[in-house]
Amino acid sequence: MAGLERVRFLMNFCISFSLALYFHSGEREEKCIIEDVPSDTLVIGNYKVQRWDIHKQDFLESAPGLGMFVTVTTPAAEVLLSKLYGPQGTFSFTSYLSGEHVICLQSNSTRFVAFAGSKLEREEKFRKTSEETNSNILWWAIVQTLILISIGIWQIKSLRDFFISKKLV
């Protein structure tokens, strides 16, 4: 029975130091977590920002420009961390005071950013079309130049042959 108690103790010990949260947040809505953290403790948070598609009823990859603003406040009301991160990543901080730390997460999403993905896709298609058109224009200019050079060489040869046949040269 001692072996089973050790395993149970180790499981409880490991689980007590990890915390996982999953939550939905609206545009610019701030979600705060109050966590009692001992002093000199490294706290690491992983997050991922995703958009909810109403039509597909599924999460989509985040649009460019979306991110997470993380603010951590100590028990003495000092800001320990205040930073804007990308759409997926990790934040970390080390507590120097023991007590209740407030960890606030806020998406930098706005309607403009949420719909920027489709706008950026349209801009990318337009840019790609423009680049293809510019490439085609370049090749057409090269072909025209080669045709003009060929016609010029042919004209010079024809004129030379004409002058030789008329014995002008």
C-alpha atoms as a PDB file:
ATOM      1  CA  MET A   1       0.000   0.000   0.000  1.00  0.00           C
ATOM      2  CA  ALA A   2       2.954   2.332   0.564  1.00  0.00           C
ATOM      3  CA  GLY A   3       3.766   2.310  -3.189  1.00  0.00           C
ATOM      4  CA  LEU A   4       0.221   3.389  -4.111  1.00  0.00           C
ATOM      5  CA  GLU A   5       0.306   6.216  -1.563  1.00  0.00           C
ATOM      6  CA  ARG A   6       3.607   7.476  -3.004  1.00  0.00           C
ATOM      7  CA  VAL A   7       2.165   7.541  -6.517  1.00  0.00           C
ATOM      8  CA  ARG A   8      -0.940   9.349  -5.276  1.00  0.00           C
ATOM      9  CA  PHE A   9       1.233  11.870  -3.404  1.00  0.00           C
ATOM     10  CA  LEU A  10       3.411  12.485  -6.482  1.00  0.00           C
ATOM     11  CA  MET A  11       0.320  12.908  -8.701  1.00  0.00           C
ATOM     12  CA  ASN A  12      -1.198  15.438  -6.283  1.00  0.00           C
ATOM     13  CA  PHE A  13       2.146  17.203  -5.966  1.00  0.00           C
ATOM     14  CA  CYS A  14       2.557  17.560  -9.759  1.00  0.00           C
ATOM     15  CA  ILE A  15      -1.048  18.551 -10.410  1.00  0.00           C
ATOM     16  CA  SER A  16      -1.018  21.222  -7.709  1.00  0.00           C
ATOM     17  CA  PHE A  17       1.676  23.177  -9.576  1.00  0.00           C
ATOM     18  CA  SER A  18      -0.030  23.261 -12.947  1.00  0.00           C
ATOM     19  CA  LEU A  19      -3.123  25.148 -13.989  1.00  0.00           C
ATOM     20  CA  ALA A  20      -4.871  25.152 -17.332  1.00  0.00           C
ATOM     21  CA  LEU A  21      -7.575  27.563 -18.406  1.00  0.00           C
ATOM     22  CA  TYR A  22      -9.719  27.769 -21.499  1.00  0.00           C
ATOM     23  CA  PHE A  23     -11.980  30.726 -22.084  1.00  0.00           C
ATOM     24  CA  HIS A  24     -13.769  32.705 -24.763  1.00  0.00           C
ATOM     25  CA  SER A  25     -13.246  36.421 -24.937  1.00  0.00           C
ATOM     26  CA  GLY A  26     -14.933  39.133 -26.954  1.00  0.00           C
ATOM     27  CA  GLU A  27     -13.255  41.962 -28.786  1.00  0.00           C
ATOM     28  CA  ARG A  28     -10.954  43.889 -26.477  1.00  0.00           C
ATOM     29  CA  GLU A  29     -12.541  42.074 -23.500  1.00  0.00           C
ATOM     30  CA  GLU A  30     -10.117  41.662 -20.625  1.00  0.00           C
ATOM     31  CA  LYS A  31      -9.993  38.423 -18.637  1.00  0.00           C
ATOM     32  CA  CYS A  32      -8.085  38.479 -15.349  1.00  0.00           C
ATOM     33  CA  ILE A  33      -6.851  35.598 -13.232  1.00  0.00           C
ATOM     34  CA  ILE A  34      -5.932  36.091  -9.587  1.00  0.00           C
ATOM     35  CA  GLU A  35      -3.303  33.573  -8.569  1.00  0.00           C
ATOM     36  CA  ASP A  36      -1.550  33.212  -5.240  1.00  0.00           C
ATOM     37  CA  VAL A  37       2.102  32.876  -6.237  1.00  0.00           C
ATOM     38  CA  PRO A  38       4.994  32.271  -3.819  1.00  0.00           C
ATOM     39  CA  SER A  39       7.994  34.604  -4.029  1.00  0.00           C
ATOM     40  CA  ASP A  40      10.804  33.774  -6.460  1.00  0.00           C
ATOM     41  CA  THR A  41       8.527  31.575  -8.573  1.00  0.00           C
ATOM     42  CA  LEU A  42       8.704  31.404 -12.345  1.00  0.00           C
ATOM     43  CA  VAL A  43       5.234  31.554 -13.890  1.00  0.00           C
ATOM     44  CA  ILE A  44       4.861  30.538 -17.546  1.00  0.00           C
ATOM     45  CA  GLY A  45       1.710  31.011 -19.596  1.00  0.00           C
ATOM     46  CA  ASN A  46       0.968  29.613 -23.046  1.00  0.00           C
ATOM     47  CA  TYR A  47      -1.850  31.038 -25.142  1.00  0.00           C
ATOM     48  CA  LYS A  48      -3.338  30.938 -28.630  1.00  0.00           C
ATOM     49  CA  VAL A  49      -5.693  33.520 -30.137  1.00  0.00           C
ATOM     50  CA  GLN A  50      -8.203  32.158 -32.649  1.00  0.00           C
ATOM     51  CA  ARG A  51     -11.185  33.666 -34.409  1.00  0.00           C
ATOM     52  CA  TRP A  52     -14.593  32.005 -34.224  1.00  0.00           C
ATOM     53  CA  ASP A  53     -16.295  31.609 -37.600  1.00  0.00           C
ATOM     54  CA  ILE A  54     -20.060  31.837 -37.163  1.00  0.00           C
ATOM     55  CA  HIS A  55     -20.772  30.217 -40.541  1.00  0.00           C
ATOM     56  CA  LYS A  56     -18.427  27.233 -40.134  1.00  0.00           C
ATOM     57  CA  GLN A  57     -19.037  26.961 -36.369  1.00  0.00           C
ATOM     58  CA  ASP A  58     -15.323  26.385 -35.907  1.00  0.00           C
ATOM     59  CA  PHE A  59     -12.174  28.197 -34.858  1.00  0.00           C
ATOM     60  CA  LEU A  60      -9.996  29.661 -37.606  1.00  0.00           C
ATOM     61  CA  GLU A  61      -6.348  30.557 -37.527  1.00  0.00           C
ATOM     62  CA  SER A  62      -5.894  34.108 -36.353  1.00  0.00           C
ATOM     63  CA  ALA A  63      -5.649  36.894 -38.892  1.00  0.00           C
ATOM     64  CA  PRO A  64      -2.413  38.855 -39.210  1.00  0.00           C
ATOM     65  CA  GLY A  65      -2.307  41.613 -36.650  1.00  0.00           C
ATOM     66  CA  LEU A  66      -4.151  39.726 -33.926  1.00  0.00           C
ATOM     67  CA  GLY A  67      -2.353  39.304 -30.648  1.00  0.00           C
ATOM     68  CA  MET A  68      -2.615  39.121 -26.891  1.00  0.00           C
ATOM     69  CA  PHE A  69      -1.874  41.945 -24.475  1.00  0.00           C
ATOM     70  CA  VAL A  70      -0.654  40.530 -21.154  1.00  0.00           C
ATOM     71  CA  THR A  71      -0.482  42.531 -17.916  1.00  0.00           C
ATOM     72  CA  VAL A  72       0.739  41.124 -14.603  1.00  0.00           C
ATOM     73  CA  THR A  73       0.304  43.081 -11.364  1.00  0.00           C
ATOM     74  CA  THR A  74       1.983  42.204  -8.062  1.00  0.00           C
ATOM     75  CA  PRO A  75       0.254  42.149  -4.661  1.00  0.00           C
ATOM     76  CA  ALA A  76       1.758  45.631  -4.102  1.00  0.00           C
ATOM     77  CA  ALA A  77      -0.146  46.844  -7.220  1.00  0.00           C
ATOM     78  CA  GLU A  78       3.066  47.234  -9.231  1.00  0.00           C
ATOM     79  CA  VAL A  79       2.979  46.285 -12.908  1.00  0.00           C
ATOM     80  CA  LEU A  80       5.392  43.400 -13.302  1.00  0.00           C
ATOM     81  CA  LEU A  81       4.697  42.690 -16.980  1.00  0.00           C
ATOM     82  CA  SER A  82       2.866  44.672 -19.642  1.00  0.00           C
ATOM     83  CA  LYS A  83       3.484  43.529 -23.193  1.00  0.00           C
ATOM     84  CA  LEU A  84       1.740  42.867 -26.507  1.00  0.00           C
ATOM     85  CA  TYR A  85       2.458  39.398 -27.884  1.00  0.00           C
ATOM     86  CA  GLY A  86       1.603  37.742 -31.189  1.00  0.00           C
ATOM     87  CA  PRO A  87      -1.368  35.453 -31.898  1.00  0.00           C
ATOM     88  CA  GLN A  88       0.271  32.424 -30.265  1.00  0.00           C
ATOM     89  CA  GLY A  89       3.077  32.196 -27.787  1.00  0.00           C
ATOM     90  CA  THR A  90       4.358  32.094 -24.271  1.00  0.00           C
ATOM     91  CA  PHE A  91       4.735  34.740 -21.593  1.00  0.00           C
ATOM     92  CA  SER A  92       6.633  34.371 -18.353  1.00  0.00           C
ATOM     93  CA  PHE A  93       7.496  36.308 -15.237  1.00  0.00           C
ATOM     94  CA  THR A  94       9.191  35.698 -11.919  1.00  0.00           C
ATOM     95  CA  SER A  95       7.436  36.826  -8.776  1.00  0.00           C
ATOM     96  CA  TYR A  96       9.578  38.665  -6.263  1.00  0.00           C
ATOM     97  CA  LEU A  97       6.747  39.005  -3.723  1.00  0.00           C
ATOM     98  CA  SER A  98       4.501  36.253  -2.479  1.00  0.00           C
ATOM     99  CA  GLY A  99       0.785  36.882  -2.678  1.00  0.00           C
ATOM    100  CA  GLU A 100      -2.054  37.352  -5.127  1.00  0.00           C
ATOM    101  CA  HIS A 101      -0.785  38.282  -8.579  1.00  0.00           C
ATOM    102  CA  VAL A 102      -3.325  39.525 -11.113  1.00  0.00           C
ATOM    103  CA  ILE A 103      -2.709  38.198 -14.623  1.00  0.00           C
ATOM    104  CA  CYS A 104      -4.847  39.960 -17.237  1.00  0.00           C
ATOM    105  CA  LEU A 105      -5.175  38.845 -20.838  1.00  0.00           C
ATOM    106  CA  GLN A 106      -6.776  40.979 -23.516  1.00  0.00           C
ATOM    107  CA  SER A 107      -7.019  40.403 -27.243  1.00  0.00           C
ATOM    108  CA  ASN A 108      -6.051  43.358 -29.391  1.00  0.00           C
ATOM    109  CA  SER A 109      -8.868  42.340 -31.725  1.00  0.00           C
ATOM    110  CA  THR A 110     -11.206  44.881 -33.202  1.00  0.00           C
ATOM    111  CA  ARG A 111     -13.674  44.452 -36.020  1.00  0.00           C
ATOM    112  CA  PHE A 112     -11.095  45.999 -38.324  1.00  0.00           C
ATOM    113  CA  VAL A 113      -8.433  43.460 -37.316  1.00  0.00           C
ATOM    114  CA  ALA A 114     -10.890  40.552 -37.327  1.00  0.00           C
ATOM    115  CA  PHE A 115     -11.847  41.258 -40.921  1.00  0.00           C
ATOM    116  CA  ALA A 116      -8.361  42.321 -41.957  1.00  0.00           C
ATOM    117  CA  GLY A 117      -7.614  38.729 -42.955  1.00  0.00           C
ATOM    118  CA  SER A 118     -10.004  38.816 -45.917  1.00  0.00           C
ATOM    119  CA  LYS A 119      -8.849  42.318 -46.853  1.00  0.00           C
ATOM    120  CA  LEU A 120      -5.233  41.188 -46.770  1.00  0.00           C
ATOM    121  CA  GLU A 121      -6.103  38.152 -48.896  1.00  0.00           C
ATOM    122  CA  ARG A 122      -7.664  40.456 -51.506  1.00  0.00           C
ATOM    123  CA  GLU A 123      -4.626  42.717 -51.410  1.00  0.00           C
ATOM    124  CA  GLU A 124      -2.368  39.702 -51.840  1.00  0.00           C
ATOM    125  CA  LYS A 125      -4.361  38.515 -54.876  1.00  0.00           C
ATOM    126  CA  PHE A 126      -4.200  42.023 -56.364  1.00  0.00           C
ATOM    127  CA  ARG A 127      -0.439  42.205 -55.741  1.00  0.00           C
ATOM    128  CA  LYS A 128       0.065  38.783 -57.330  1.00  0.00           C
ATOM    129  CA  THR A 129      -1.987  39.800 -60.382  1.00  0.00           C
ATOM    130  CA  SER A 130       0.002  43.031 -60.667  1.00  0.00           C
ATOM    131  CA  GLU A 131       3.310  41.171 -60.479  1.00  0.00           C
ATOM    132  CA  GLU A 132       2.191  38.703 -63.174  1.00  0.00           C
ATOM    133  CA  THR A 133       1.099  41.598 -65.397  1.00  0.00           C
ATOM    134  CA  ASN A 134       4.434  43.371 -64.885  1.00  0.00           C
ATOM    135  CA  SER A 135       6.284  40.159 -65.720  1.00  0.00           C
ATOM    136  CA  ASN A 136       4.234  39.713 -68.913  1.00  0.00           C
ATOM    137  CA  ILE A 137       4.917  43.326 -69.929  1.00  0.00           C
ATOM    138  CA  LEU A 138       8.652  42.776 -69.433  1.00  0.00           C
ATOM    139  CA  TRP A 139       8.659  39.662 -71.621  1.00  0.00           C
ATOM    140  CA  TRP A 140       6.582  41.432 -74.299  1.00  0.00           C
ATOM    141  CA  ALA A 141       9.121  44.298 -74.337  1.00  0.00           C
ATOM    142  CA  ILE A 142      11.985  41.801 -74.745  1.00  0.00           C
ATOM    143  CA  VAL A 143      10.158  40.049 -77.619  1.00  0.00           C
ATOM    144  CA  GLN A 144       9.464  43.397 -79.335  1.00  0.00           C
ATOM    145  CA  THR A 145      13.130  44.391 -78.992  1.00  0.00           C
ATOM    146  CA  LEU A 146      14.274  41.096 -80.531  1.00  0.00           C
ATOM    147  CA  ILE A 147      11.789  41.510 -83.407  1.00  0.00           C
ATOM    148  CA  LEU A 148      13.005  45.072 -84.076  1.00  0.00           C
ATOM    149  CA  ILE A 149      16.667  43.996 -84.013  1.00  0.00           C
ATOM    150  CA  SER A 150      15.885  41.095 -86.370  1.00  0.00           C
ATOM    151  CA  ILE A 151      14.037  43.381 -88.794  1.00  0.00           C
ATOM    152  CA  GLY A 152      16.899  45.912 -88.649  1.00  0.00           C
ATOM    153  CA  ILE A 153      19.487  43.202 -89.475  1.00  0.00           C
ATOM    154  CA  TRP A 154      17.278  41.916 -92.288  1.00  0.00           C
ATOM    155  CA  GLN A 155      16.884  45.449 -93.724  1.00  0.00           C
ATOM    156  CA  ILE A 156      20.637  46.096 -93.597  1.00  0.00           C
ATOM    157  CA  LYS A 157      21.337  42.774 -95.344  1.00  0.00           C
ATOM    158  CA  SER A 158      18.666  43.451 -97.973  1.00  0.00           C
ATOM    159  CA  LEU A 159      19.987  46.968 -98.670  1.00  0.00           C
ATOM    160  CA  ARG A 160      23.555  45.667 -98.930  1.00  0.00           C
ATOM    161  CA  ASP A 161      22.471  42.934-101.366  1.00  0.00           C
ATOM    162  CA  PHE A 162      20.492  45.534-103.362  1.00  0.00           C
ATOM    163  CA  PHE A 163      23.489  47.868-103.627  1.00  0.00           C
ATOM    164  CA  ILE A 164      25.759  44.985-104.632  1.00  0.00           C
ATOM    165  CA  SER A 165      23.305  43.827-107.350  1.00  0.00           C
ATOM    166  CA  LYS A 166      23.060  47.410-108.753  1.00  0.00           C
ATOM    167  CA  LYS A 167      26.834  47.720-108.518  1.00  0.00           C
ATOM    168  CA  LEU A 168      26.612  50.851-106.426  1.00  0.00           C
ATOM    169  CA  VAL A 169      29.101  49.509-103.929  1.00  0.00           C
END
